Amino acid sequence: MGSPLEVRIATPDDRVQVLELCRSTLGWTDGAVDERFFVWKHEENPFGASPSWVAVADDRIVGVRVFMRWGFVDADGVRVTAVRAVDTATDPEWQGRGIFRRLTLGALPDLRDAGVGFVFNTPNDKSRPGYLKMGWSVVGRVPVSVRLSRPDAARRLLGARTAAERWSEVVDVGVSPEEAFADADAVANLLSGSPRSVLSTDLSVEYLRWRYRFEPLAYRVLPRGDRLDDGLVVLRVRRRGAAVEATICDVLGPEPSPSFWAHVAATTGADFALRTGRGPLGARFVPAPRLGPVLTWKPLAAPGVPALSGLDLSLGDVEMF
């Protein structure tokens, strides 16, 4: 424990030790879904491989901090590089010694020098105070709304004020993301007809294919018509406390009609649908302010903290990673 601690950016040669540390501290096993999840997030991301920092003592990695790359585009079409503060692990023998803080703060100058505009994340109530002490700011609670599938679902919703499960329930609705996004020209045409007026995720064919392909998350795509130009909804079904939730991750193309949302309720079997925004008039979505995640922000190369009204975020953008 008296060994000097070195904090540095991770290299490809550190990969084996980083995965070993995650297995031992986070309860992974060889080939487990968590490890595949890690690889999908940090090595296959079309925005780029995740920059990581490690703490090393006696040539052994005892801490790791990973930032997942993300891309945004503003109303003028200018692309902004960002990262999301996600995975971290510390060897039990080194916990309580400030390694998480040193890794996080040590990464910020390097990220700024690399042109990263900002760090964003949605920490839970337990970890948020630590980020605020390190200079993060609270943007606000992402506004969401719910649509109850049936009258008795209200009781289940009252028992759903907790974090949703990470892994999805498997449902046979719509089509797979692989099938939905197979025609690159059709997807590109759909995206070109969905302009954003404020800062939003930089959507592309490559992004959609990556974002929704991880099989254990069981994403499904519901087309709104015979052609992709008619629009689509990406969702997954998961448990939140005593309730079953249809998480509306992305709505691409024209806003679906009230009858479409009724179809979602009937086919998924969920107690309620959850989405950002309000939905069309008559679709029976009502605000659920306590269910939205709290968004935090750390400016780097791009100064300032935006207001929620200056962001266009879907649940696909802010799901817990």
Protein backbone atom coordinates (compact mmCIF):
# COMPACT_ATOMS: atom_id res chain seq x y z
CA MET A 1 0.00 0.00 0.00
CA GLY A 2 3.03 2.26 0.26
CA SER A 3 3.82 1.85 -3.44
CA PRO A 4 3.79 5.04 -5.56
CA LEU A 5 0.71 5.40 -7.71
CA GLU A 6 0.99 6.43 -11.36
CA VAL A 7 -2.04 7.79 -13.21
CA ARG A 8 -1.75 7.71 -17.02
CA ILE A 9 -3.76 7.25 -20.17
CA ALA A 10 -4.37 3.60 -21.00
CA THR A 11 -2.71 1.90 -23.96
CA PRO A 12 -3.77 -1.17 -25.97
CA ASP A 13 -1.25 -3.20 -23.94
CA ASP A 14 -3.37 -2.53 -20.83
CA ARG A 15 -6.49 -4.23 -22.21
CA VAL A 16 -5.94 -7.62 -20.56
CA GLN A 17 -5.34 -6.11 -17.11
CA VAL A 18 -8.26 -3.69 -17.47
CA LEU A 19 -10.67 -6.52 -18.25
CA GLU A 20 -9.22 -8.61 -15.40
CA LEU A 21 -9.78 -5.72 -12.97
CA CYS A 22 -13.38 -5.32 -14.15
CA ARG A 23 -14.00 -9.05 -13.80
CA SER A 24 -12.61 -9.18 -10.27
CA THR A 25 -14.24 -6.00 -8.95
CA LEU A 26 -17.53 -5.94 -10.88
CA GLY A 27 -18.29 -9.65 -10.72
CA TRP A 28 -17.74 -10.50 -14.38
CA THR A 29 -16.77 -13.94 -15.60
CA ASP A 30 -14.91 -14.86 -18.78
CA GLY A 31 -17.12 -14.37 -21.82
CA ALA A 32 -20.00 -12.97 -19.74
CA VAL A 33 -22.50 -10.54 -21.21
CA ASP A 34 -20.95 -7.68 -19.20
CA GLU A 35 -17.64 -8.14 -20.98
CA ARG A 36 -19.30 -8.18 -24.39
CA PHE A 37 -21.23 -5.07 -23.32
CA PHE A 38 -17.92 -3.38 -22.43
CA VAL A 39 -16.39 -4.26 -25.81
CA TRP A 40 -19.49 -3.07 -27.69
CA LYS A 41 -19.47 0.29 -25.90
CA HIS A 42 -15.78 1.02 -25.95
CA GLU A 43 -14.25 -0.73 -28.96
CA GLU A 44 -17.02 -0.87 -31.58
CA ASN A 45 -18.49 2.62 -31.12
CA PRO A 46 -18.53 4.49 -34.50
CA PHE A 47 -17.66 7.73 -32.70
CA GLY A 48 -14.33 6.10 -31.83
CA ALA A 49 -12.68 3.93 -29.23
CA SER A 50 -13.17 5.12 -25.66
CA PRO A 51 -10.27 7.00 -24.07
CA SER A 52 -9.36 5.42 -20.73
CA TRP A 53 -7.09 6.24 -17.82
CA VAL A 54 -5.50 3.78 -15.41
CA ALA A 55 -3.91 3.92 -11.99
CA VAL A 56 -0.83 1.70 -11.73
CA ALA A 57 1.08 0.48 -8.68
CA ASP A 58 4.01 -1.97 -8.93
CA ASP A 59 3.24 -2.51 -12.64
CA ARG A 60 -0.30 -3.61 -11.74
CA ILE A 61 -3.43 -1.74 -12.79
CA VAL A 62 -5.45 -0.98 -9.65
CA GLY A 63 -7.94 1.50 -11.10
CA VAL A 64 -9.55 2.33 -14.44
CA ARG A 65 -11.79 5.15 -15.67
CA VAL A 66 -13.40 5.00 -19.11
CA PHE A 67 -15.09 7.78 -21.10
CA MET A 68 -17.34 6.71 -23.98
CA ARG A 69 -17.11 8.88 -27.08
CA TRP A 70 -20.24 10.60 -28.35
CA GLY A 71 -20.96 12.98 -31.18
CA PHE A 72 -23.36 15.92 -31.29
CA VAL A 73 -24.38 18.37 -33.98
CA ASP A 74 -25.75 21.86 -33.38
CA ALA A 75 -28.51 23.74 -35.19
CA ASP A 76 -25.98 25.04 -37.74
CA GLY A 77 -24.74 21.54 -38.56
CA VAL A 78 -21.46 21.98 -36.68
CA ARG A 79 -20.24 18.72 -35.15
CA VAL A 80 -19.17 18.72 -31.51
CA THR A 81 -17.09 15.93 -30.00
CA ALA A 82 -18.10 14.84 -26.51
CA VAL A 83 -17.53 11.99 -24.09
CA ARG A 84 -19.76 10.32 -21.56
CA ALA A 85 -18.37 9.42 -18.14
CA VAL A 86 -19.25 5.77 -17.73
CA ASP A 87 -17.28 2.79 -16.43
CA THR A 88 -14.91 2.79 -13.47
CA ALA A 89 -13.35 0.11 -11.30
CA THR A 90 -10.90 0.15 -8.38
CA ASP A 91 -9.08 -2.75 -6.79
CA PRO A 92 -10.62 -3.38 -3.34
CA GLU A 93 -7.23 -2.97 -1.67
CA TRP A 94 -7.02 0.54 -3.08
CA GLN A 95 -10.57 1.74 -2.51
CA GLY A 96 -11.07 4.80 -0.33
CA ARG A 97 -7.79 6.35 -1.49
CA GLY A 98 -9.21 8.84 -4.00
CA ILE A 99 -8.34 6.84 -7.12
CA PHE A 100 -11.71 7.52 -8.80
CA ARG A 101 -11.25 11.26 -8.30
CA ARG A 102 -7.63 11.25 -9.45
CA LEU A 103 -8.46 9.29 -12.58
CA THR A 104 -11.44 11.47 -13.45
CA LEU A 105 -9.79 14.83 -12.85
CA GLY A 106 -6.54 13.64 -14.40
CA ALA A 107 -8.33 12.82 -17.64
CA LEU A 108 -9.96 16.23 -18.12
CA PRO A 109 -6.89 18.21 -19.35
CA ASP A 110 -6.04 15.49 -21.88
CA LEU A 111 -9.64 15.40 -23.13
CA ARG A 112 -9.72 19.20 -23.44
CA ASP A 113 -6.42 19.23 -25.34
CA ALA A 114 -7.83 16.60 -27.70
CA GLY A 115 -10.70 18.94 -28.57
CA VAL A 116 -13.44 17.23 -26.59
CA GLY A 117 -16.16 19.82 -26.08
CA PHE A 118 -17.71 18.51 -22.89
CA VAL A 119 -18.35 15.53 -20.65
CA PHE A 120 -21.95 14.55 -19.97
CA ASN A 121 -23.52 11.77 -17.94
CA THR A 122 -26.57 10.84 -15.88
CA PRO A 123 -25.19 9.78 -12.48
CA ASN A 124 -27.51 8.35 -9.87
CA ASP A 125 -28.29 10.05 -6.57
CA LYS A 126 -25.38 8.29 -4.85
CA SER A 127 -22.64 9.26 -7.30
CA ARG A 128 -23.92 12.70 -8.40
CA PRO A 129 -22.54 14.62 -5.36
CA GLY A 130 -19.05 13.37 -6.19
CA TYR A 131 -19.28 14.75 -9.71
CA LEU A 132 -20.56 18.09 -8.46
CA LYS A 133 -17.55 18.35 -6.14
CA MET A 134 -15.31 17.78 -9.17
CA GLY A 135 -16.85 20.69 -11.05
CA TRP A 136 -19.75 19.12 -12.91
CA SER A 137 -23.01 21.12 -13.16
CA VAL A 138 -26.58 19.86 -13.12
CA VAL A 139 -28.35 20.69 -16.38
CA GLY A 140 -31.64 19.34 -15.05
CA ARG A 141 -33.88 16.32 -15.06
CA VAL A 142 -34.58 15.21 -18.62
CA PRO A 143 -38.34 15.71 -19.16
CA VAL A 144 -40.19 12.49 -19.87
CA SER A 145 -43.82 11.47 -20.18
CA VAL A 146 -45.72 8.22 -19.81
CA ARG A 147 -48.69 6.65 -21.51
CA LEU A 148 -50.58 4.10 -19.44
CA SER A 149 -51.61 1.00 -21.37
CA ARG A 150 -54.69 0.29 -19.23
CA PRO A 151 -56.39 1.77 -16.16
CA ASP A 152 -54.94 -0.69 -13.65
CA ALA A 153 -51.41 0.22 -14.79
CA ALA A 154 -51.54 3.37 -12.66
CA ARG A 155 -51.05 1.29 -9.51
CA ARG A 156 -48.01 -0.41 -11.02
CA LEU A 157 -46.58 2.92 -12.11
CA LEU A 158 -46.71 4.15 -8.51
CA GLY A 159 -44.41 1.26 -7.59
CA ALA A 160 -42.02 1.99 -10.45
CA ARG A 161 -40.13 4.93 -8.95
CA THR A 162 -36.82 3.14 -9.14
CA ALA A 163 -34.14 2.53 -11.73
CA ALA A 164 -35.14 0.33 -14.63
CA GLU A 165 -33.39 -2.98 -15.17
CA ARG A 166 -30.36 -2.89 -17.45
CA TRP A 167 -31.33 -5.96 -19.46
CA SER A 168 -34.50 -6.11 -21.53
CA GLU A 169 -37.41 -8.47 -21.71
CA VAL A 170 -37.47 -10.30 -25.05
CA VAL A 171 -40.54 -9.36 -27.10
CA ASP A 172 -41.55 -10.30 -30.62
CA VAL A 173 -42.76 -6.97 -31.97
CA GLY A 174 -41.69 -5.07 -35.05
CA VAL A 175 -38.40 -6.06 -36.64
CA SER A 176 -34.80 -6.36 -35.49
CA PRO A 177 -32.51 -3.31 -35.79
CA GLU A 178 -30.36 -5.32 -38.22
CA GLU A 179 -33.32 -5.69 -40.56
CA ALA A 180 -34.64 -2.17 -40.03
CA PHE A 181 -31.33 -0.47 -40.81
CA ALA A 182 -30.15 -2.83 -43.57
CA ASP A 183 -30.84 -0.40 -46.44
CA ALA A 184 -28.25 2.32 -45.87
CA ASP A 185 -29.68 4.67 -48.53
CA ALA A 186 -33.19 4.45 -47.07
CA VAL A 187 -31.91 5.13 -43.54
CA ALA A 188 -29.85 8.09 -44.74
CA ASN A 189 -32.92 9.46 -46.52
CA LEU A 190 -34.98 9.10 -43.34
CA LEU A 191 -32.36 10.95 -41.31
CA SER A 192 -32.10 13.75 -43.87
CA GLY A 193 -35.80 14.42 -43.35
CA SER A 194 -35.42 14.71 -39.58
CA PRO A 195 -33.57 18.01 -39.02
CA ARG A 196 -32.74 19.03 -35.45
CA SER A 197 -33.07 22.64 -34.30
CA VAL A 198 -30.85 22.43 -31.19
CA LEU A 199 -27.84 20.42 -30.00
CA SER A 200 -28.55 16.72 -30.57
CA THR A 201 -26.83 13.40 -31.21
CA ASP A 202 -25.10 13.21 -34.58
CA LEU A 203 -27.29 10.53 -36.15
CA SER A 204 -25.98 8.39 -38.98
CA VAL A 205 -26.51 4.96 -40.51
CA GLU A 206 -23.39 3.69 -38.74
CA TYR A 207 -24.54 5.08 -35.41
CA LEU A 208 -28.00 3.50 -35.57
CA ARG A 209 -26.59 0.12 -36.62
CA TRP A 210 -24.16 0.17 -33.69
CA ARG A 211 -26.40 1.75 -31.08
CA TYR A 212 -29.24 -0.75 -31.31
CA ARG A 213 -27.57 -3.98 -32.35
CA PHE A 214 -26.38 -5.33 -28.98
CA GLU A 215 -28.56 -8.42 -28.69
CA PRO A 216 -28.87 -8.70 -24.86
CA LEU A 217 -30.57 -5.28 -24.82
CA ALA A 218 -33.25 -6.68 -27.18
CA TYR A 219 -34.06 -3.48 -29.03
CA ARG A 220 -36.94 -3.65 -31.52
CA VAL A 221 -37.90 -1.33 -34.35
CA LEU A 222 -41.52 -0.58 -35.20
CA PRO A 223 -41.87 0.87 -38.72
CA ARG A 224 -44.73 3.31 -39.17
CA GLY A 225 -45.55 2.29 -42.73
CA ASP A 226 -44.41 0.33 -45.75
CA ARG A 227 -41.45 2.64 -46.41
CA LEU A 228 -38.71 3.73 -44.05
CA ASP A 229 -39.49 7.34 -45.00
CA ASP A 230 -42.77 6.95 -43.10
CA GLY A 231 -40.76 6.88 -39.88
CA LEU A 232 -40.02 4.41 -37.13
CA VAL A 233 -39.79 3.97 -33.39
CA VAL A 234 -36.97 2.14 -31.58
CA LEU A 235 -37.96 0.64 -28.24
CA ARG A 236 -37.19 -2.02 -25.71
CA VAL A 237 -39.24 -3.58 -22.93
CA ARG A 238 -37.81 -3.84 -19.43
CA ARG A 239 -38.89 -4.04 -15.82
CA ARG A 240 -38.96 -1.01 -13.58
CA GLY A 241 -39.88 -2.08 -10.07
CA ALA A 242 -43.26 -3.79 -10.16
CA ALA A 243 -44.08 -2.49 -13.63
CA VAL A 244 -43.14 -3.40 -17.20
CA GLU A 245 -42.00 -0.41 -19.24
CA ALA A 246 -41.78 0.11 -22.98
CA THR A 247 -38.80 2.45 -23.24
CA ILE A 248 -39.15 4.60 -26.37
CA CYS A 249 -35.49 5.09 -27.27
CA ASP A 250 -35.81 7.02 -30.54
CA VAL A 251 -38.59 8.41 -32.71
CA LEU A 252 -37.32 9.03 -36.25
CA GLY A 253 -39.37 10.70 -38.96
CA PRO A 254 -42.82 12.22 -38.48
CA GLU A 255 -44.35 12.06 -35.02
CA PRO A 256 -46.49 8.91 -34.72
CA SER A 257 -50.25 9.25 -34.43
CA PRO A 258 -52.24 8.44 -31.29
CA SER A 259 -53.39 5.19 -32.92
CA PHE A 260 -49.77 4.12 -33.38
CA TRP A 261 -49.09 4.56 -29.66
CA ALA A 262 -52.17 2.50 -28.89
CA HIS A 263 -50.68 -0.19 -31.14
CA VAL A 264 -47.41 -0.04 -29.17
CA ALA A 265 -49.31 -0.57 -25.92
CA ALA A 266 -51.28 -3.50 -27.33
CA THR A 267 -48.35 -5.35 -28.88
CA THR A 268 -45.64 -4.93 -26.20
CA GLY A 269 -47.78 -5.89 -23.21
CA ALA A 270 -46.08 -3.16 -21.18
CA ASP A 271 -47.87 -1.35 -18.37
CA PHE A 272 -46.74 1.99 -19.75
CA ALA A 273 -44.61 3.61 -22.43
CA LEU A 274 -41.91 6.11 -21.42
CA ARG A 275 -40.47 8.71 -23.78
CA THR A 276 -38.88 12.15 -23.83
CA GLY A 277 -41.23 14.95 -24.84
CA ARG A 278 -44.99 14.88 -24.73
CA GLY A 279 -46.10 13.04 -27.86
CA PRO A 280 -48.91 14.20 -30.16
CA LEU A 281 -52.10 15.72 -28.86
CA GLY A 282 -54.54 12.96 -28.03
CA ALA A 283 -51.88 10.28 -27.55
CA ARG A 284 -52.48 10.27 -23.76
CA PHE A 285 -48.89 10.93 -22.72
CA VAL A 286 -48.64 12.80 -19.41
CA PRO A 287 -45.53 14.27 -17.72
CA ALA A 288 -43.68 12.01 -15.28
CA PRO A 289 -41.05 14.38 -13.88
CA ARG A 290 -39.60 11.97 -11.31
CA LEU A 291 -38.78 9.27 -13.86
CA GLY A 292 -36.42 11.31 -16.03
CA PRO A 293 -32.65 10.96 -15.47
CA VAL A 294 -30.68 13.90 -14.08
CA LEU A 295 -28.24 15.20 -16.70
CA THR A 296 -24.88 16.60 -15.56
CA TRP A 297 -22.28 18.45 -17.62
CA LYS A 298 -18.61 19.39 -17.47
CA PRO A 299 -17.49 21.96 -20.09
CA LEU A 300 -14.08 21.37 -21.65
CA ALA A 301 -13.16 22.78 -25.06
CA ALA A 302 -16.74 24.05 -25.55
CA PRO A 303 -17.48 26.55 -22.76
CA GLY A 304 -20.77 26.91 -20.95
CA VAL A 305 -23.52 24.65 -19.69
CA PRO A 306 -26.64 24.49 -21.86
CA ALA A 307 -30.21 24.73 -20.70
CA LEU A 308 -32.41 21.69 -21.20
CA SER A 309 -34.32 23.69 -23.81
CA GLY A 310 -31.12 23.89 -25.86
CA LEU A 311 -30.86 20.10 -26.13
CA ASP A 312 -32.83 17.53 -28.11
CA LEU A 313 -32.30 14.28 -26.24
CA SER A 314 -33.96 10.90 -26.66
CA LEU A 315 -33.90 8.12 -24.11
CA GLY A 316 -31.50 6.37 -26.48
CA ASP A 317 -29.07 9.22 -25.80
CA VAL A 318 -29.32 9.14 -22.01
CA GLU A 319 -29.96 5.51 -21.10
CA MET A 320 -27.62 4.27 -18.39
CA PHE A 321 -24.51 2.77 -19.93
